[in-house]
PDB file of N, CA and C in Angstrom:
ATOM      1  N   MET A   1      23.339  92.501 155.168  1.00  0.00           N
ATOM      2  CA  MET A   1      23.544  93.451 153.978  1.00  0.00           C
ATOM      3  C   MET A   1      24.966  93.784 154.047  1.00  0.00           C
ATOM      4  N   ARG A   2      25.586  93.715 153.015  1.00  0.00           N
ATOM      5  CA  ARG A   2      26.986  94.053 152.735  1.00  0.00           C
ATOM      6  C   ARG A   2      27.157  95.352 152.355  1.00  0.00           C
ATOM      7  N   ILE A   3      28.108  96.093 153.031  1.00  0.00           N
ATOM      8  CA  ILE A   3      28.493  97.432 152.564  1.00  0.00           C
ATOM      9  C   ILE A   3      29.636  97.268 151.578  1.00  0.00           C
ATOM     10  N   LYS A   4      29.517  97.958 150.505  1.00  0.00           N
ATOM     11  CA  LYS A   4      30.397  97.863 149.469  1.00  0.00           C
ATOM     12  C   LYS A   4      31.485  99.003 149.738  1.00  0.00           C
ATOM     13  N   GLN A   5      32.577  98.602 149.687  1.00  0.00           N
ATOM     14  CA  GLN A   5      33.769  99.532 149.789  1.00  0.00           C
ATOM     15  C   GLN A   5      33.957 100.191 148.727  1.00  0.00           C
ATOM     16  N   PRO A   6      34.274 101.300 148.764  1.00  0.00           N
ATOM     17  CA  PRO A   6      34.599 102.243 147.462  1.00  0.00           C
ATOM     18  C   PRO A   6      35.938 101.486 146.887  1.00  0.00           C
ATOM     19  N   ILE A   7      35.878 101.557 145.560  1.00  0.00           N
ATOM     20  CA  ILE A   7      36.902 101.029 144.848  1.00  0.00           C
ATOM     21  C   ILE A   7      38.124 102.163 144.847  1.00  0.00           C
ATOM     22  N   ALA A   8      39.175 101.629 145.361  1.00  0.00           N
ATOM     23  CA  ALA A   8      40.462 102.567 145.356  1.00  0.00           C
ATOM     24  C   ALA A   8      40.878 102.956 143.849  1.00  0.00           C
ATOM     25  N   SER A   9      40.946 104.166 143.733  1.00  0.00           N
ATOM     26  CA  SER A   9      41.593 104.515 142.337  1.00  0.00           C
ATOM     27  C   SER A   9      42.853 104.158 142.188  1.00  0.00           C
ATOM     28  N   GLN A  10      43.139 103.393 141.146  1.00  0.00           N
ATOM     29  CA  GLN A  10      44.465 103.046 140.962  1.00  0.00           C
ATOM     30  C   GLN A  10      45.335 104.168 140.232  1.00  0.00           C
ATOM     31  N   LYS A  11      46.537 104.258 140.803  1.00  0.00           N
ATOM     32  CA  LYS A  11      47.457 105.374 140.497  1.00  0.00           C
ATOM     33  C   LYS A  11      48.309 104.763 139.223  1.00  0.00           C
ATOM     34  N   GLU A  12      48.501 105.740 138.469  1.00  0.00           N
ATOM     35  CA  GLU A  12      49.380 105.349 137.404  1.00  0.00           C
ATOM     36  C   GLU A  12      50.755 105.056 137.866  1.00  0.00           C
ATOM     37  N   PRO A  13      51.407 103.940 137.276  1.00  0.00           N
ATOM     38  CA  PRO A  13      52.730 103.713 137.721  1.00  0.00           C
ATOM     39  C   PRO A  13      53.648 104.598 137.027  1.00  0.00           C
ATOM     40  N   THR A  14      54.299 105.479 137.967  1.00  0.00           N
ATOM     41  CA  THR A  14      55.302 106.461 137.554  1.00  0.00           C
ATOM     42  C   THR A  14      56.603 105.974 137.161  1.00  0.00           C
ATOM     43  N   ILE A  15      56.936 104.826 137.913  1.00  0.00           N
ATOM     44  CA  ILE A  15      58.260 104.352 137.673  1.00  0.00           C
ATOM     45  C   ILE A  15      58.473 103.846 136.094  1.00  0.00           C
ATOM     46  N   ALA A  16      57.492 103.343 135.723  1.00  0.00           N
ATOM     47  CA  ALA A  16      57.304 102.760 134.319  1.00  0.00           C
ATOM     48  C   ALA A  16      57.552 103.866 133.397  1.00  0.00           C
ATOM     49  N   LEU A  17      56.960 105.010 133.565  1.00  0.00           N
ATOM     50  CA  LEU A  17      57.098 106.294 132.757  1.00  0.00           C
ATOM     51  C   LEU A  17      58.466 106.839 132.867  1.00  0.00           C
ATOM     52  N   ILE A  18      59.023 106.878 134.081  1.00  0.00           N
ATOM     53  CA  ILE A  18      60.384 107.336 134.232  1.00  0.00           C
ATOM     54  C   ILE A  18      61.445 106.448 133.490  1.00  0.00           C
ATOM     55  N   ASN A  19      61.149 105.028 133.609  1.00  0.00           N
ATOM     56  CA  ASN A  19      62.132 104.233 132.818  1.00  0.00           C
ATOM     57  C   ASN A  19      62.012 104.359 131.457  1.00  0.00           C
ATOM     58  N   ILE A  20      60.951 104.719 130.910  1.00  0.00           N
ATOM     59  CA  ILE A  20      60.729 104.846 129.443  1.00  0.00           C
ATOM     60  C   ILE A  20      61.367 106.121 128.878  1.00  0.00           C
ATOM     61  N   VAL A  21      61.157 107.193 129.563  1.00  0.00           N
ATOM     62  CA  VAL A  21      61.812 108.603 129.531  1.00  0.00           C
ATOM     63  C   VAL A  21      63.382 108.244 129.392  1.00  0.00           C
ATOM     64  N   PHE A  22      63.878 107.629 130.496  1.00  0.00           N
ATOM     65  CA  PHE A  22      65.263 107.490 130.651  1.00  0.00           C
ATOM     66  C   PHE A  22      65.774 106.718 129.426  1.00  0.00           C
ATOM     67  N   LEU A  23      65.114 105.698 129.005  1.00  0.00           N
ATOM     68  CA  LEU A  23      65.704 104.813 127.946  1.00  0.00           C
ATOM     69  C   LEU A  23      65.572 105.567 126.786  1.00  0.00           C
ATOM     70  N   MET A  24      64.643 106.491 126.495  1.00  0.00           N
ATOM     71  CA  MET A  24      64.567 107.250 125.231  1.00  0.00           C
ATOM     72  C   MET A  24      65.780 108.268 125.383  1.00  0.00           C
ATOM     73  N   LEU A  25      66.189 108.787 126.620  1.00  0.00           N
ATOM     74  CA  LEU A  25      67.259 109.785 126.666  1.00  0.00           C
ATOM     75  C   LEU A  25      68.434 109.274 126.269  1.00  0.00           C
ATOM     76  N   VAL A  26      68.650 107.881 126.814  1.00  0.00           N
ATOM     77  CA  VAL A  26      69.957 107.107 126.498  1.00  0.00           C
ATOM     78  C   VAL A  26      69.979 106.880 125.006  1.00  0.00           C
ATOM     79  N   PHE A  27      68.815 106.364 124.294  1.00  0.00           N
ATOM     80  CA  PHE A  27      68.944 106.048 123.074  1.00  0.00           C
ATOM     81  C   PHE A  27      69.351 107.237 122.206  1.00  0.00           C
ATOM     82  N   PHE A  28      68.816 108.573 122.534  1.00  0.00           N
ATOM     83  CA  PHE A  28      69.137 109.835 121.632  1.00  0.00           C
ATOM     84  C   PHE A  28      70.542 110.181 121.945  1.00  0.00           C
ATOM     85  N   MET A  29      70.877 109.850 123.128  1.00  0.00           N
ATOM     86  CA  MET A  29      72.349 110.339 123.387  1.00  0.00           C
ATOM     87  C   MET A  29      73.313 109.525 122.532  1.00  0.00           C
ATOM     88  N   ILE A  30      73.150 108.102 122.496  1.00  0.00           N
ATOM     89  CA  ILE A  30      74.047 107.268 121.670  1.00  0.00           C
ATOM     90  C   ILE A  30      73.862 107.458 120.118  1.00  0.00           C
ATOM     91  N   ALA A  31      72.627 107.555 119.746  1.00  0.00           N
ATOM     92  CA  ALA A  31      72.126 107.681 118.440  1.00  0.00           C
ATOM     93  C   ALA A  31      72.519 109.101 117.728  1.00  0.00           C
ATOM     94  N   GLY A  32      72.438 110.019 118.575  1.00  0.00           N
ATOM     95  CA  GLY A  32      72.657 111.377 118.022  1.00  0.00           C
ATOM     96  C   GLY A  32      74.143 111.637 117.759  1.00  0.00           C
ATOM     97  N   THR A  33      74.059 112.814 117.080  1.00  0.00           N
ATOM     98  CA  THR A  33      75.449 113.312 116.589  1.00  0.00           C
ATOM     99  C   THR A  33      76.034 114.270 117.562  1.00  0.00           C
ATOM    100  N   LEU A  34      77.184 113.925 118.177  1.00  0.00           N
ATOM    101  CA  LEU A  34      77.626 114.916 119.285  1.00  0.00           C
ATOM    102  C   LEU A  34      78.624 115.832 118.744  1.00  0.00           C
ATOM    103  N   ALA A  35      79.235 115.521 117.540  1.00  0.00           N
ATOM    104  CA  ALA A  35      80.143 116.460 116.799  1.00  0.00           C
ATOM    105  C   ALA A  35      79.637 117.031 115.377  1.00  0.00           C
ATOM    106  N   VAL A  36      80.194 118.200 115.029  1.00  0.00           N
ATOM    107  CA  VAL A  36      79.776 118.742 113.887  1.00  0.00           C
ATOM    108  C   VAL A  36      80.185 117.803 112.797  1.00  0.00           C
ATOM    109  N   PRO A  37      79.261 117.391 111.711  1.00  0.00           N
ATOM    110  CA  PRO A  37      79.782 116.620 110.758  1.00  0.00           C
ATOM    111  C   PRO A  37      80.630 117.241 109.755  1.00  0.00           C
ATOM    112  N   LEU A  38      81.536 116.538 109.040  1.00  0.00           N
ATOM    113  CA  LEU A  38      82.576 117.087 108.005  1.00  0.00           C
ATOM    114  C   LEU A  38      81.684 117.581 106.783  1.00  0.00           C
ATOM    115  N   ASP A  39      82.258 118.552 106.111  1.00  0.00           N
ATOM    116  CA  ASP A  39      81.759 118.990 104.940  1.00  0.00           C
ATOM    117  C   ASP A  39      81.471 117.891 104.045  1.00  0.00           C
ATOM    118  N   LYS A  40      80.246 117.850 103.331  1.00  0.00           N
ATOM    119  CA  LYS A  40      80.125 116.632 102.380  1.00  0.00           C
ATOM    120  C   LYS A  40      80.957 116.610 101.215  1.00  0.00           C
ATOM    121  N   GLU A  41      81.638 117.801 100.800  1.00  0.00           N
ATOM    122  CA  GLU A  41      82.342 117.859  99.599  1.00  0.00           C
ATOM    123  C   GLU A  41      83.859 117.398 100.041  1.00  0.00           C
ATOM    124  N   LEU A  42      84.123 117.377 101.186  1.00  0.00           N
ATOM    125  CA  LEU A  42      85.470 116.965 101.653  1.00  0.00           C
ATOM    126  C   LEU A  42      86.020 115.503 101.520  1.00  0.00           C
ATOM    127  N   ARG A  43      86.872 115.287 100.810  1.00  0.00           N
ATOM    128  CA  ARG A  43      87.334 113.786 100.562  1.00  0.00           C
ATOM    129  C   ARG A  43      88.743 113.565 101.348  1.00  0.00           C
ATOM    130  N   LEU A  44      88.561 112.646 102.245  1.00  0.00           N
ATOM    131  CA  LEU A  44      89.747 112.395 103.203  1.00  0.00           C
ATOM    132  C   LEU A  44      90.828 111.556 102.348  1.00  0.00           C
ATOM    133  N   ILE A  45      92.071 111.805 102.690  1.00  0.00           N
ATOM    134  CA  ILE A  45      93.161 111.098 102.064  1.00  0.00           C
ATOM    135  C   ILE A  45      93.102 109.582 102.544  1.00  0.00           C
ATOM    136  N   GLU A  46      93.732 108.754 101.639  1.00  0.00           N
ATOM    137  CA  GLU A  46      93.796 107.181 102.222  1.00  0.00           C
ATOM    138  C   GLU A  46      95.292 107.011 102.211  1.00  0.00           C
ATOM    139  N   THR A  47      95.572 106.134 103.282  1.00  0.00           N
ATOM    140  CA  THR A  47      96.987 105.891 103.492  1.00  0.00           C
ATOM    141  C   THR A  47      97.211 104.287 103.528  1.00  0.00           C
ATOM    142  N   THR A  48      96.182 103.640 103.012  1.00  0.00           N
ATOM    143  CA  THR A  48      96.369 102.150 103.000  1.00  0.00           C
ATOM    144  C   THR A  48      97.316 101.597 102.139  1.00  0.00           C
ATOM    145  N   GLY A  49      97.660 102.452 100.860  1.00  0.00           N
ATOM    146  CA  GLY A  49      98.699 101.930  99.845  1.00  0.00           C
ATOM    147  C   GLY A  49      99.932 102.434 100.103  1.00  0.00           C
ATOM    148  N   LEU A  50     100.243 103.281 101.099  1.00  0.00           N
ATOM    149  CA  LEU A  50     101.453 103.904 101.524  1.00  0.00           C
ATOM    150  C   LEU A  50     102.425 102.842 102.112  1.00  0.00           C
ATOM    151  N   GLU A  51     103.611 102.944 101.791  1.00  0.00           N
ATOM    152  CA  GLU A  51     104.797 102.169 102.391  1.00  0.00           C
ATOM    153  C   GLU A  51     105.281 102.765 103.856  1.00  0.00           C
ATOM    154  N   GLY A  52     105.286 102.031 104.755  1.00  0.00           N
ATOM    155  CA  GLY A  52     105.569 102.498 106.039  1.00  0.00           C
ATOM    156  C   GLY A  52     107.234 102.584 106.313  1.00  0.00           C
ATOM    157  N   ARG A  53     107.550 103.454 106.845  1.00  0.00           N
ATOM    158  CA  ARG A  53     108.932 103.428 107.206  1.00  0.00           C
ATOM    159  C   ARG A  53     109.115 104.248 108.612  1.00  0.00           C
ATOM    160  N   GLU A  54     110.329 103.791 109.312  1.00  0.00           N
ATOM    161  CA  GLU A  54     110.478 104.224 110.519  1.00  0.00           C
ATOM    162  C   GLU A  54     110.991 105.730 110.351  1.00  0.00           C
ATOM    163  N   PRO A  55     110.736 106.543 111.252  1.00  0.00           N
ATOM    164  CA  PRO A  55     111.326 107.902 111.344  1.00  0.00           C
ATOM    165  C   PRO A  55     112.772 107.835 111.367  1.00  0.00           C
ATOM    166  N   PRO A  56     113.596 108.621 110.823  1.00  0.00           N
ATOM    167  CA  PRO A  56     115.119 108.694 110.598  1.00  0.00           C
ATOM    168  C   PRO A  56     115.779 108.546 112.032  1.00  0.00           C
ATOM    169  N   ASP A  57     115.136 109.230 113.164  1.00  0.00           N
ATOM    170  CA  ASP A  57     115.981 109.088 114.387  1.00  0.00           C
ATOM    171  C   ASP A  57     115.613 108.265 115.348  1.00  0.00           C
ATOM    172  N   THR A  58     114.890 107.112 115.087  1.00  0.00           N
ATOM    173  CA  THR A  58     114.203 106.096 115.792  1.00  0.00           C
ATOM    174  C   THR A  58     115.184 105.002 115.959  1.00  0.00           C
ATOM    175  N   LEU A  59     115.339 104.243 117.168  1.00  0.00           N
ATOM    176  CA  LEU A  59     115.971 103.095 117.261  1.00  0.00           C
ATOM    177  C   LEU A  59     114.930 101.729 116.939  1.00  0.00           C
ATOM    178  N   VAL A  60     115.565 101.092 115.995  1.00  0.00           N
ATOM    179  CA  VAL A  60     114.665  99.817 115.703  1.00  0.00           C
ATOM    180  C   VAL A  60     115.135  98.695 116.369  1.00  0.00           C
ATOM    181  N   VAL A  61     114.167  98.013 116.977  1.00  0.00           N
ATOM    182  CA  VAL A  61     114.615  96.717 117.660  1.00  0.00           C
ATOM    183  C   VAL A  61     113.815  95.643 117.025  1.00  0.00           C
ATOM    184  N   HIS A  62     114.612  94.650 116.569  1.00  0.00           N
ATOM    185  CA  HIS A  62     114.145  93.432 115.890  1.00  0.00           C
ATOM    186  C   HIS A  62     113.603  92.350 116.782  1.00  0.00           C
ATOM    187  N   ALA A  63     113.092  91.460 116.299  1.00  0.00           N
ATOM    188  CA  ALA A  63     112.443  90.395 116.979  1.00  0.00           C
ATOM    189  C   ALA A  63     113.598  89.685 117.864  1.00  0.00           C
ATOM    190  N   ASN A  64     114.656  89.475 117.297  1.00  0.00           N
ATOM    191  CA  ASN A  64     115.695  88.806 118.100  1.00  0.00           C
ATOM    192  C   ASN A  64     116.589  89.624 118.907  1.00  0.00           C
ATOM    193  N   GLY A  65     116.146  90.867 119.077  1.00  0.00           N
ATOM    194  CA  GLY A  65     116.817  91.923 119.870  1.00  0.00           C
ATOM    195  C   GLY A  65     117.850  92.622 119.290  1.00  0.00           C
ATOM    196  N   ARG A  66     118.158  92.479 117.949  1.00  0.00           N
ATOM    197  CA  ARG A  66     119.053  93.111 117.365  1.00  0.00           C
ATOM    198  C   ARG A  66     118.711  94.608 117.082  1.00  0.00           C
ATOM    199  N   LEU A  67     119.577  95.631 117.335  1.00  0.00           N
ATOM    200  CA  LEU A  67     119.311  97.107 117.162  1.00  0.00           C
ATOM    201  C   LEU A  67     119.910  97.612 115.902  1.00  0.00           C
ATOM    202  N   SER A  68     119.078  98.744 115.400  1.00  0.00           N
ATOM    203  CA  SER A  68     119.538  99.235 114.210  1.00  0.00           C
ATOM    204  C   SER A  68     118.920 100.743 114.128  1.00  0.00           C
ATOM    205  N   LEU A  69     119.822 101.506 113.476  1.00  0.00           N
ATOM    206  CA  LEU A  69     119.460 102.902 113.445  1.00  0.00           C
ATOM    207  C   LEU A  69     119.745 103.475 112.011  1.00  0.00           C
ATOM    208  N   GLN A  70     118.662 103.802 111.320  1.00  0.00           N
ATOM    209  CA  GLN A  70     118.767 104.260 109.846  1.00  0.00           C
ATOM    210  C   GLN A  70     119.344 103.155 108.922  1.00  0.00           C
ATOM    211  N   GLY A  71     118.880 101.959 109.326  1.00  0.00           N
ATOM    212  CA  GLY A  71     119.193 100.811 108.529  1.00  0.00           C
ATOM    213  C   GLY A  71     120.660 100.174 108.720  1.00  0.00           C
ATOM    214  N   LYS A  72     121.446 100.786 109.652  1.00  0.00           N
ATOM    215  CA  LYS A  72     122.760 100.328 110.091  1.00  0.00           C
ATOM    216  C   LYS A  72     122.708  99.671 111.419  1.00  0.00           C
ATOM    217  N   PRO A  73     123.141  98.364 111.441  1.00  0.00           N
ATOM    218  CA  PRO A  73     123.330  97.707 112.871  1.00  0.00           C
ATOM    219  C   PRO A  73     124.004  98.404 113.892  1.00  0.00           C
ATOM    220  N   LEU A  74     123.566  98.337 115.069  1.00  0.00           N
ATOM    221  CA  LEU A  74     124.312  98.797 116.273  1.00  0.00           C
ATOM    222  C   LEU A  74     124.595  97.696 117.054  1.00  0.00           C
ATOM    223  N   ALA A  75     125.762  97.766 117.946  1.00  0.00           N
ATOM    224  CA  ALA A  75     126.349  96.982 118.616  1.00  0.00           C
ATOM    225  C   ALA A  75     125.582  96.644 119.941  1.00  0.00           C
ATOM    226  N   ASP A  76     125.250  97.787 120.721  1.00  0.00           N
ATOM    227  CA  ASP A  76     124.434  97.822 121.916  1.00  0.00           C
ATOM    228  C   ASP A  76     123.767  99.285 122.163  1.00  0.00           C
ATOM    229  N   THR A  77     123.097  99.331 123.258  1.00  0.00           N
ATOM    230  CA  THR A  77     122.389 100.550 123.402  1.00  0.00           C
ATOM    231  C   THR A  77     123.409 101.725 123.557  1.00  0.00           C
ATOM    232  N   ALA A  78     124.499 101.354 124.128  1.00  0.00           N
ATOM    233  CA  ALA A  78     125.528 102.418 124.284  1.00  0.00           C
ATOM    234  C   ALA A  78     126.068 103.025 122.861  1.00  0.00           C
ATOM    235  N   ASP A  79     126.002 102.158 122.019  1.00  0.00           N
ATOM    236  CA  ASP A  79     126.416 102.549 120.513  1.00  0.00           C
ATOM    237  C   ASP A  79     125.474 103.566 120.199  1.00  0.00           C
ATOM    238  N   PHE A  80     124.007 103.240 120.455  1.00  0.00           N
ATOM    239  CA  PHE A  80     122.919 104.115 119.987  1.00  0.00           C
ATOM    240  C   PHE A  80     123.005 105.476 120.800  1.00  0.00           C
ATOM    241  N   LEU A  81     123.320 105.448 122.064  1.00  0.00           N
ATOM    242  CA  LEU A  81     123.356 106.742 123.059  1.00  0.00           C
ATOM    243  C   LEU A  81     124.427 107.407 122.473  1.00  0.00           C
ATOM    244  N   ALA A  82     125.670 107.082 122.006  1.00  0.00           N
ATOM    245  CA  ALA A  82     126.720 107.775 121.667  1.00  0.00           C
ATOM    246  C   ALA A  82     126.501 108.572 120.326  1.00  0.00           C
ATOM    247  N   THR A  83     125.391 108.272 119.616  1.00  0.00           N
ATOM    248  CA  THR A  83     125.061 108.899 118.408  1.00  0.00           C
ATOM    249  C   THR A  83     124.134 110.114 118.684  1.00  0.00           C
ATOM    250  N   LEU A  84     123.652 110.170 119.717  1.00  0.00           N
ATOM    251  CA  LEU A  84     122.515 111.103 120.185  1.00  0.00           C
ATOM    252  C   LEU A  84     123.090 112.489 120.834  1.00  0.00           C
ATOM    253  N   SER A  85     122.682 113.586 120.531  1.00  0.00           N
ATOM    254  CA  SER A  85     123.004 114.841 121.154  1.00  0.00           C
ATOM    255  C   SER A  85     122.210 114.905 122.582  1.00  0.00           C
ATOM    256  N   ALA A  86     122.462 115.852 123.366  1.00  0.00           N
ATOM    257  CA  ALA A  86     121.658 116.063 124.528  1.00  0.00           C
ATOM    258  C   ALA A  86     120.178 116.301 124.270  1.00  0.00           C
ATOM    259  N   ASP A  87     120.130 117.083 123.253  1.00  0.00           N
ATOM    260  CA  ASP A  87     118.705 117.398 122.849  1.00  0.00           C
ATOM    261  C   ASP A  87     117.892 116.235 122.391  1.00  0.00           C
ATOM    262  N   GLU A  88     118.506 115.433 121.617  1.00  0.00           N
ATOM    263  CA  GLU A  88     117.999 114.208 121.058  1.00  0.00           C
ATOM    264  C   GLU A  88     117.720 113.122 122.259  1.00  0.00           C
ATOM    265  N   LEU A  89     118.497 113.245 123.455  1.00  0.00           N
ATOM    266  CA  LEU A  89     118.234 112.328 124.544  1.00  0.00           C
ATOM    267  C   LEU A  89     116.995 112.680 125.395  1.00  0.00           C
ATOM    268  N   LYS A  90     116.281 113.933 125.158  1.00  0.00           N
ATOM    269  CA  LYS A  90     115.102 114.150 125.720  1.00  0.00           C
ATOM    270  C   LYS A  90     114.042 113.308 125.340  1.00  0.00           C
ATOM    271  N   VAL A  91     113.796 112.993 124.065  1.00  0.00           N
ATOM    272  CA  VAL A  91     112.768 112.186 123.500  1.00  0.00           C
ATOM    273  C   VAL A  91     113.603 111.085 122.671  1.00  0.00           C
ATOM    274  N   VAL A  92     113.491 109.613 122.980  1.00  0.00           N
ATOM    275  CA  VAL A  92     113.959 108.775 122.406  1.00  0.00           C
ATOM    276  C   VAL A  92     112.725 107.905 121.719  1.00  0.00           C
ATOM    277  N   ARG A  93     112.862 107.717 120.450  1.00  0.00           N
ATOM    278  CA  ARG A  93     111.663 106.914 119.766  1.00  0.00           C
ATOM    279  C   ARG A  93     112.144 105.528 119.402  1.00  0.00           C
ATOM    280  N   ILE A  94     111.405 104.534 119.887  1.00  0.00           N
ATOM    281  CA  ILE A  94     111.768 103.095 119.681  1.00  0.00           C
ATOM    282  C   ILE A  94     110.867 102.410 118.780  1.00  0.00           C
ATOM    283  N   VAL A  95     111.173 101.707 117.818  1.00  0.00           N
ATOM    284  CA  VAL A  95     110.146 101.040 116.815  1.00  0.00           C
ATOM    285  C   VAL A  95     110.458  99.580 117.075  1.00  0.00           C
ATOM    286  N   PRO A  96     109.603  98.899 118.006  1.00  0.00           N
ATOM    287  CA  PRO A  96     109.889  97.435 118.254  1.00  0.00           C
ATOM    288  C   PRO A  96     109.163  96.542 117.407  1.00  0.00           C
ATOM    289  N   ASP A  97     109.831  95.420 117.172  1.00  0.00           N
ATOM    290  CA  ASP A  97     109.228  94.470 116.289  1.00  0.00           C
ATOM    291  C   ASP A  97     107.955  93.986 116.975  1.00  0.00           C
ATOM    292  N   ARG A  98     106.931  93.497 116.286  1.00  0.00           N
ATOM    293  CA  ARG A  98     105.806  92.882 116.874  1.00  0.00           C
ATOM    294  C   ARG A  98     106.068  91.661 117.741  1.00  0.00           C
ATOM    295  N   ALA A  99     107.130  90.903 117.284  1.00  0.00           N
ATOM    296  CA  ALA A  99     107.606  89.461 117.920  1.00  0.00           C
ATOM    297  C   ALA A  99     108.419  89.704 118.968  1.00  0.00           C
ATOM    298  N   LEU A 100     108.871  91.069 119.303  1.00  0.00           N
ATOM    299  CA  LEU A 100     109.941  91.148 120.330  1.00  0.00           C
ATOM    300  C   LEU A 100     109.222  90.917 121.802  1.00  0.00           C
ATOM    301  N   PRO A 101     109.866  90.209 122.499  1.00  0.00           N
ATOM    302  CA  PRO A 101     109.196  89.858 123.728  1.00  0.00           C
ATOM    303  C   PRO A 101     109.233  91.087 124.676  1.00  0.00           C
ATOM    304  N   ALA A 102     108.181  91.265 125.616  1.00  0.00           N
ATOM    305  CA  ALA A 102     108.011  92.388 126.326  1.00  0.00           C
ATOM    306  C   ALA A 102     109.081  92.673 127.299  1.00  0.00           C
ATOM    307  N   LYS A 103     109.558  91.602 127.802  1.00  0.00           N
ATOM    308  CA  LYS A 103     110.711  91.627 128.938  1.00  0.00           C
ATOM    309  C   LYS A 103     111.928  92.427 128.321  1.00  0.00           C
ATOM    310  N   ARG A 104     112.238  91.984 126.858  1.00  0.00           N
ATOM    311  CA  ARG A 104     113.380  92.559 126.198  1.00  0.00           C
ATOM    312  C   ARG A 104     113.205  94.141 126.111  1.00  0.00           C
ATOM    313  N   LEU A 105     111.872  94.525 125.755  1.00  0.00           N
ATOM    314  CA  LEU A 105     111.571  95.975 125.461  1.00  0.00           C
ATOM    315  C   LEU A 105     111.836  96.714 126.790  1.00  0.00           C
ATOM    316  N   VAL A 106     111.171  96.138 127.887  1.00  0.00           N
ATOM    317  CA  VAL A 106     111.260  96.846 129.197  1.00  0.00           C
ATOM    318  C   VAL A 106     112.764  96.913 129.564  1.00  0.00           C
ATOM    319  N   ALA A 107     113.558  95.965 129.404  1.00  0.00           N
ATOM    320  CA  ALA A 107     114.927  95.968 129.701  1.00  0.00           C
ATOM    321  C   ALA A 107     115.697  97.009 128.869  1.00  0.00           C
ATOM    322  N   LEU A 108     115.344  97.120 127.588  1.00  0.00           N
ATOM    323  CA  LEU A 108     116.009  98.097 126.765  1.00  0.00           C
ATOM    324  C   LEU A 108     115.664  99.515 127.191  1.00  0.00           C
ATOM    325  N   GLY A 109     114.397  99.631 127.748  1.00  0.00           N
ATOM    326  CA  GLY A 109     113.843 100.986 128.144  1.00  0.00           C
ATOM    327  C   GLY A 109     114.596 101.342 129.283  1.00  0.00           C
ATOM    328  N   SER A 110     114.942 100.347 130.213  1.00  0.00           N
ATOM    329  CA  SER A 110     115.698 100.646 131.346  1.00  0.00           C
ATOM    330  C   SER A 110     117.064 100.977 131.015  1.00  0.00           C
ATOM    331  N   LEU A 111     117.706 100.493 130.143  1.00  0.00           N
ATOM    332  CA  LEU A 111     119.115 100.735 129.846  1.00  0.00           C
ATOM    333  C   LEU A 111     119.150 102.090 129.110  1.00  0.00           C
ATOM    334  N   LEU A 112     118.135 102.485 128.420  1.00  0.00           N
ATOM    335  CA  LEU A 112     117.984 103.844 127.734  1.00  0.00           C
ATOM    336  C   LEU A 112     117.921 104.732 128.901  1.00  0.00           C
ATOM    337  N   ARG A 113     117.050 104.592 129.726  1.00  0.00           N
ATOM    338  CA  ARG A 113     116.986 105.641 130.959  1.00  0.00           C
ATOM    339  C   ARG A 113     118.178 105.804 131.715  1.00  0.00           C
ATOM    340  N   GLN A 114     118.899 104.758 132.043  1.00  0.00           N
ATOM    341  CA  GLN A 114     120.250 104.756 132.659  1.00  0.00           C
ATOM    342  C   GLN A 114     121.162 105.630 131.887  1.00  0.00           C
ATOM    343  N   GLY A 115     121.155 105.412 130.582  1.00  0.00           N
ATOM    344  CA  GLY A 115     122.053 106.128 129.678  1.00  0.00           C
ATOM    345  C   GLY A 115     121.638 107.584 129.625  1.00  0.00           C
ATOM    346  N   GLY A 116     120.490 108.098 130.133  1.00  0.00           N
ATOM    347  CA  GLY A 116     120.198 109.520 130.043  1.00  0.00           C
ATOM    348  C   GLY A 116     119.000 109.907 129.318  1.00  0.00           C
ATOM    349  N   ALA A 117     118.281 109.065 128.842  1.00  0.00           N
ATOM    350  CA  ALA A 117     117.031 109.251 128.082  1.00  0.00           C
ATOM    351  C   ALA A 117     115.937 109.838 129.046  1.00  0.00           C
ATOM    352  N   ASP A 118     115.310 110.940 128.609  1.00  0.00           N
ATOM    353  CA  ASP A 118     114.280 111.565 129.598  1.00  0.00           C
ATOM    354  C   ASP A 118     113.003 110.731 129.291  1.00  0.00           C
ATOM    355  N   ARG A 119     112.715 110.741 128.051  1.00  0.00           N
ATOM    356  CA  ARG A 119     111.321 110.235 127.695  1.00  0.00           C
ATOM    357  C   ARG A 119     111.363 109.144 126.551  1.00  0.00           C
ATOM    358  N   LEU A 120     110.798 108.090 126.653  1.00  0.00           N
ATOM    359  CA  LEU A 120     110.845 106.991 125.745  1.00  0.00           C
ATOM    360  C   LEU A 120     109.385 106.872 125.083  1.00  0.00           C
ATOM    361  N   MET A 121     109.450 106.897 123.731  1.00  0.00           N
ATOM    362  CA  MET A 121     108.265 106.743 122.900  1.00  0.00           C
ATOM    363  C   MET A 121     108.303 105.448 122.143  1.00  0.00           C
ATOM    364  N   LEU A 122     107.138 104.829 121.991  1.00  0.00           N
ATOM    365  CA  LEU A 122     107.154 103.603 121.316  1.00  0.00           C
ATOM    366  C   LEU A 122     106.351 103.962 120.025  1.00  0.00           C
ATOM    367  N   VAL A 123     106.844 103.780 118.867  1.00  0.00           N
ATOM    368  CA  VAL A 123     106.289 103.907 117.634  1.00  0.00           C
ATOM    369  C   VAL A 123     105.543 102.751 117.087  1.00  0.00           C
ATOM    370  N   SER A 124     104.280 102.974 116.726  1.00  0.00           N
ATOM    371  CA  SER A 124     103.506 101.589 116.619  1.00  0.00           C
ATOM    372  C   SER A 124     102.540 101.972 115.279  1.00  0.00           C
ATOM    373  N   GLU A 125     102.047 100.793 114.808  1.00  0.00           N
ATOM    374  CA  GLU A 125     101.225 100.950 113.672  1.00  0.00           C
ATOM    375  C   GLU A 125      99.768 101.026 114.130  1.00  0.00           C
ATOM    376  N   LYS A 126      98.913 101.794 113.486  1.00  0.00           N
ATOM    377  CA  LYS A 126      97.437 101.935 113.929  1.00  0.00           C
ATOM    378  C   LYS A 126      96.763 101.289 112.854  1.00  0.00           C
ATOM    379  N   GLY A 127      96.041 100.145 113.222  1.00  0.00           N
ATOM    380  CA  GLY A 127      95.464  99.481 112.230  1.00  0.00           C
ATOM    381  C   GLY A 127      93.945  99.854 111.876  1.00  0.00           C
ATOM    382  N   LEU A 128      93.554 100.172 110.890  1.00  0.00           N
ATOM    383  CA  LEU A 128      92.219 100.576 110.413  1.00  0.00           C
ATOM    384  C   LEU A 128      91.663  99.578 109.585  1.00  0.00           C
ATOM    385  N   LYS A 129      90.408  99.153 110.063  1.00  0.00           N
ATOM    386  CA  LYS A 129      89.935  97.990 109.349  1.00  0.00           C
ATOM    387  C   LYS A 129      88.527  98.475 109.128  1.00  0.00           C
TER     388      LYS A 129
END
């Protein structure tokens, strides 16, 4: 005669339940709104049709390395530094051409630092698509 062994009760797999809860949590974190939405009546301005110009106190560096300030050509960085006051030397803004090699831009930054510039800022275009 065979003795039947009691059937072991199968436990529910808690790992699967934890995984599902975690995935739901991640989904709602990504899909949910984290910031307060803007007022529905608010209409934001559009800047796509505006003409871009460099700020008046920026050094413009063209693709071939030529420098200009306010549309006037400069001989070199010393010429640019001579036009700046001590306050203007604290922050120097540079508008580089997109085709300017990075080595030239780094070399220009070094020359401006040696000339007394405390902080260099690159002015760029932010593309919205």
